[in-house]
Amino acid sequence: MRAPSLLLCAMALLAGSASAQDVYKCVKDGQTSYSATPCSAGQLQILEIPPPPPAVDKGAATRQERVASQMEAARKQRERLEDQARERAAKQLEARDKHCAQLRLEQKWAAQDAVGAGDKNRDAAQLKARRAGERLAVECLN
């Protein structure tokens, strides 16, 4: 007699899955039965069947994939822009280093010219060496 009660229970559960409703568990003379209506005699226990879980929103998965894809594209764009900025900064630093090397060489040459200048040109050569040093200091030592 256990099989019919299990069958009745399964049917009650399936019927209850459509909407939340009460299922009555009746025990009479040691026999358990399940019904959608209250027991006429015997011990009564009310079982509540929870509502079914909400249907899976398949659109949510595609929205999540789309948002993830957009975030990935934004991250790649940001990384590309950061890489470009680093490359520009490296090129600017290289150009500045080259310019400063040229100014140091010009200052060195001007100082050598000032040392080797005769009396007539010494003041002009010293002025040129001093100005080359000042230019180097302003452009490269800051």
C-alpha atoms as a PDB file:
ATOM      1  CA  MET A   1       0.000   0.000   0.000  1.00  0.00           C
ATOM      2  CA  ARG A   2       3.056   2.223   0.178  1.00  0.00           C
ATOM      3  CA  ALA A   3       3.308   2.631  -3.609  1.00  0.00           C
ATOM      4  CA  PRO A   4      -0.126   4.265  -4.029  1.00  0.00           C
ATOM      5  CA  SER A   5       0.649   6.744  -1.248  1.00  0.00           C
ATOM      6  CA  LEU A   6       3.967   7.633  -2.906  1.00  0.00           C
ATOM      7  CA  LEU A   7       2.183   8.047  -6.194  1.00  0.00           C
ATOM      8  CA  LEU A   8      -0.398  10.248  -4.552  1.00  0.00           C
ATOM      9  CA  CYS A   9       2.406  12.252  -2.908  1.00  0.00           C
ATOM     10  CA  ALA A  10       4.197  12.720  -6.223  1.00  0.00           C
ATOM     11  CA  MET A  11       0.983  13.831  -7.896  1.00  0.00           C
ATOM     12  CA  ALA A  12       0.319  16.268  -5.071  1.00  0.00           C
ATOM     13  CA  LEU A  13       3.822  17.664  -5.381  1.00  0.00           C
ATOM     14  CA  LEU A  14       3.477  18.034  -9.134  1.00  0.00           C
ATOM     15  CA  ALA A  15       0.119  19.689  -8.753  1.00  0.00           C
ATOM     16  CA  GLY A  16       1.589  21.958  -6.103  1.00  0.00           C
ATOM     17  CA  SER A  17       4.453  23.006  -8.343  1.00  0.00           C
ATOM     18  CA  ALA A  18       2.076  24.952 -10.535  1.00  0.00           C
ATOM     19  CA  SER A  19       1.231  27.249  -7.638  1.00  0.00           C
ATOM     20  CA  ALA A  20       1.907  27.274  -3.913  1.00  0.00           C
ATOM     21  CA  GLN A  21      -0.847  25.345  -2.111  1.00  0.00           C
ATOM     22  CA  ASP A  22      -1.316  23.202   0.957  1.00  0.00           C
ATOM     23  CA  VAL A  23      -0.932  19.448   0.931  1.00  0.00           C
ATOM     24  CA  TYR A  24      -2.539  17.467   3.707  1.00  0.00           C
ATOM     25  CA  LYS A  25      -0.784  14.448   5.176  1.00  0.00           C
ATOM     26  CA  CYS A  26      -3.276  12.091   6.763  1.00  0.00           C
ATOM     27  CA  VAL A  27      -2.402   9.135   8.970  1.00  0.00           C
ATOM     28  CA  LYS A  28      -5.258   6.695   9.582  1.00  0.00           C
ATOM     29  CA  ASP A  29      -4.817   3.232  11.002  1.00  0.00           C
ATOM     30  CA  GLY A  30      -1.046   3.416  10.392  1.00  0.00           C
ATOM     31  CA  GLN A  31      -1.566   4.296   6.733  1.00  0.00           C
ATOM     32  CA  THR A  32      -0.219   7.630   5.414  1.00  0.00           C
ATOM     33  CA  SER A  33      -1.920   9.396   2.570  1.00  0.00           C
ATOM     34  CA  TYR A  34      -1.476  12.801   0.947  1.00  0.00           C
ATOM     35  CA  SER A  35      -4.302  14.902  -0.376  1.00  0.00           C
ATOM     36  CA  ALA A  36      -5.163  18.398  -1.505  1.00  0.00           C
ATOM     37  CA  THR A  37      -8.236  18.279   0.749  1.00  0.00           C
ATOM     38  CA  PRO A  38      -8.288  18.003   4.538  1.00  0.00           C
ATOM     39  CA  CYS A  39      -8.486  14.587   6.156  1.00  0.00           C
ATOM     40  CA  SER A  40     -11.931  13.311   7.121  1.00  0.00           C
ATOM     41  CA  ALA A  41     -10.617  11.291  10.057  1.00  0.00           C
ATOM     42  CA  GLY A  42      -7.285  10.442  11.634  1.00  0.00           C
ATOM     43  CA  GLN A  43      -4.217  12.504  12.370  1.00  0.00           C
ATOM     44  CA  LEU A  44      -3.763  15.666  10.291  1.00  0.00           C
ATOM     45  CA  GLN A  45      -0.523  17.409   9.324  1.00  0.00           C
ATOM     46  CA  ILE A  46      -0.463  20.309   6.851  1.00  0.00           C
ATOM     47  CA  LEU A  47       2.569  20.480   4.559  1.00  0.00           C
ATOM     48  CA  GLU A  48       3.277  23.662   2.646  1.00  0.00           C
ATOM     49  CA  ILE A  49       4.804  23.259  -0.753  1.00  0.00           C
ATOM     50  CA  PRO A  50       7.119  26.142  -1.565  1.00  0.00           C
ATOM     51  CA  PRO A  51       6.595  27.952  -4.831  1.00  0.00           C
ATOM     52  CA  PRO A  52       8.774  26.803  -7.696  1.00  0.00           C
ATOM     53  CA  PRO A  53      12.003  28.687  -8.318  1.00  0.00           C
ATOM     54  CA  PRO A  54      11.763  31.464 -10.862  1.00  0.00           C
ATOM     55  CA  ALA A  55      12.451  30.538 -14.435  1.00  0.00           C
ATOM     56  CA  VAL A  56      16.021  31.073 -15.550  1.00  0.00           C
ATOM     57  CA  ASP A  57      16.332  34.324 -17.460  1.00  0.00           C
ATOM     58  CA  LYS A  58      18.363  33.312 -20.481  1.00  0.00           C
ATOM     59  CA  GLY A  59      18.592  36.957 -21.446  1.00  0.00           C
ATOM     60  CA  ALA A  60      20.488  37.671 -18.220  1.00  0.00           C
ATOM     61  CA  ALA A  61      23.337  35.407 -19.296  1.00  0.00           C
ATOM     62  CA  THR A  62      23.638  37.158 -22.636  1.00  0.00           C
ATOM     63  CA  ARG A  63      23.470  40.560 -20.909  1.00  0.00           C
ATOM     64  CA  GLN A  64      26.223  39.485 -18.537  1.00  0.00           C
ATOM     65  CA  GLU A  65      28.309  38.253 -21.451  1.00  0.00           C
ATOM     66  CA  ARG A  66      27.733  41.534 -23.283  1.00  0.00           C
ATOM     67  CA  VAL A  67      28.673  43.595 -20.225  1.00  0.00           C
ATOM     68  CA  ALA A  68      31.752  41.423 -19.644  1.00  0.00           C
ATOM     69  CA  SER A  69      32.720  41.853 -23.285  1.00  0.00           C
ATOM     70  CA  GLN A  70      32.289  45.637 -23.045  1.00  0.00           C
ATOM     71  CA  MET A  71      34.358  45.749 -19.867  1.00  0.00           C
ATOM     72  CA  GLU A  72      37.088  43.677 -21.515  1.00  0.00           C
ATOM     73  CA  ALA A  73      37.102  45.996 -24.543  1.00  0.00           C
ATOM     74  CA  ALA A  74      37.315  49.054 -22.271  1.00  0.00           C
ATOM     75  CA  ARG A  75      40.204  47.475 -20.344  1.00  0.00           C
ATOM     76  CA  LYS A  76      42.078  46.712 -23.570  1.00  0.00           C
ATOM     77  CA  GLN A  77      41.479  50.282 -24.819  1.00  0.00           C
ATOM     78  CA  ARG A  78      42.741  51.728 -21.519  1.00  0.00           C
ATOM     79  CA  GLU A  79      45.834  49.499 -21.618  1.00  0.00           C
ATOM     80  CA  ARG A  80      46.507  50.485 -25.232  1.00  0.00           C
ATOM     81  CA  LEU A  81      46.286  54.188 -24.333  1.00  0.00           C
ATOM     82  CA  GLU A  82      48.573  53.660 -21.331  1.00  0.00           C
ATOM     83  CA  ASP A  83      51.098  51.837 -23.534  1.00  0.00           C
ATOM     84  CA  GLN A  84      51.011  54.693 -26.055  1.00  0.00           C
ATOM     85  CA  ALA A  85      51.544  57.251 -23.264  1.00  0.00           C
ATOM     86  CA  ARG A  86      54.529  55.254 -21.946  1.00  0.00           C
ATOM     87  CA  GLU A  87      56.023  55.077 -25.445  1.00  0.00           C
ATOM     88  CA  ARG A  88      55.594  58.853 -25.922  1.00  0.00           C
ATOM     89  CA  ALA A  89      57.202  59.524 -22.538  1.00  0.00           C
ATOM     90  CA  ALA A  90      60.133  57.233 -23.369  1.00  0.00           C
ATOM     91  CA  LYS A  91      60.653  58.996 -26.730  1.00  0.00           C
ATOM     92  CA  GLN A  92      60.490  62.414 -25.063  1.00  0.00           C
ATOM     93  CA  LEU A  93      63.005  61.331 -22.433  1.00  0.00           C
ATOM     94  CA  GLU A  94      65.312  59.978 -25.127  1.00  0.00           C
ATOM     95  CA  ALA A  95      65.073  63.235 -27.105  1.00  0.00           C
ATOM     96  CA  ARG A  96      65.740  65.291 -23.945  1.00  0.00           C
ATOM     97  CA  ASP A  97      68.765  63.149 -23.082  1.00  0.00           C
ATOM     98  CA  LYS A  98      70.128  63.622 -26.594  1.00  0.00           C
ATOM     99  CA  HIS A  99      69.549  67.394 -26.448  1.00  0.00           C
ATOM    100  CA  CYS A 100      71.271  67.655 -23.054  1.00  0.00           C
ATOM    101  CA  ALA A 101      74.223  65.625 -24.298  1.00  0.00           C
ATOM    102  CA  GLN A 102      74.565  68.072 -27.177  1.00  0.00           C
ATOM    103  CA  LEU A 103      74.415  71.069 -24.778  1.00  0.00           C
ATOM    104  CA  ARG A 104      77.089  69.497 -22.516  1.00  0.00           C
ATOM    105  CA  LEU A 105      79.334  69.008 -25.531  1.00  0.00           C
ATOM    106  CA  GLU A 106      78.808  72.637 -26.649  1.00  0.00           C
ATOM    107  CA  GLN A 107      79.560  73.876 -23.122  1.00  0.00           C
ATOM    108  CA  LYS A 108      82.731  71.763 -23.014  1.00  0.00           C
ATOM    109  CA  TRP A 109      83.899  73.102 -26.362  1.00  0.00           C
ATOM    110  CA  ALA A 110      83.141  76.705 -25.336  1.00  0.00           C
ATOM    111  CA  ALA A 111      85.144  76.240 -22.118  1.00  0.00           C
ATOM    112  CA  GLN A 112      88.067  74.807 -24.099  1.00  0.00           C
ATOM    113  CA  ASP A 113      87.876  77.720 -26.558  1.00  0.00           C
ATOM    114  CA  ALA A 114      87.911  80.185 -23.629  1.00  0.00           C
ATOM    115  CA  VAL A 115      91.063  78.584 -22.190  1.00  0.00           C
ATOM    116  CA  GLY A 116      92.866  78.650 -25.500  1.00  0.00           C
ATOM    117  CA  ALA A 117      91.698  82.103 -26.585  1.00  0.00           C
ATOM    118  CA  GLY A 118      94.176  84.908 -26.948  1.00  0.00           C
ATOM    119  CA  ASP A 119      93.990  88.176 -25.050  1.00  0.00           C
ATOM    120  CA  LYS A 120      91.960  89.840 -27.753  1.00  0.00           C
ATOM    121  CA  ASN A 121      89.173  87.144 -27.867  1.00  0.00           C
ATOM    122  CA  ARG A 122      89.332  85.870 -24.266  1.00  0.00           C
ATOM    123  CA  ASP A 123      86.416  87.961 -22.914  1.00  0.00           C
ATOM    124  CA  ALA A 124      84.102  86.930 -25.760  1.00  0.00           C
ATOM    125  CA  ALA A 125      85.096  83.251 -25.399  1.00  0.00           C
ATOM    126  CA  GLN A 126      84.534  83.318 -21.615  1.00  0.00           C
ATOM    127  CA  LEU A 127      81.137  84.945 -22.124  1.00  0.00           C
ATOM    128  CA  LYS A 128      80.240  82.249 -24.673  1.00  0.00           C
ATOM    129  CA  ALA A 129      81.359  79.482 -22.257  1.00  0.00           C
ATOM    130  CA  ARG A 130      79.372  81.017 -19.371  1.00  0.00           C
ATOM    131  CA  ARG A 131      76.241  81.312 -21.524  1.00  0.00           C
ATOM    132  CA  ALA A 132      76.617  77.708 -22.722  1.00  0.00           C
ATOM    133  CA  GLY A 133      76.846  76.616 -19.060  1.00  0.00           C
ATOM    134  CA  GLU A 134      73.769  78.648 -18.137  1.00  0.00           C
ATOM    135  CA  ARG A 135      71.810  77.211 -21.055  1.00  0.00           C
ATOM    136  CA  LEU A 136      72.816  73.678 -19.981  1.00  0.00           C
ATOM    137  CA  ALA A 137      71.764  74.406 -16.397  1.00  0.00           C
ATOM    138  CA  VAL A 138      68.363  75.818 -17.401  1.00  0.00           C
ATOM    139  CA  GLU A 139      67.459  73.128 -19.898  1.00  0.00           C
ATOM    140  CA  CYS A 140      68.972  70.007 -18.370  1.00  0.00           C
ATOM    141  CA  LEU A 141      69.607  70.332 -14.652  1.00  0.00           C
ATOM    142  CA  ASN A 142      66.021  71.082 -13.649  1.00  0.00           C
END
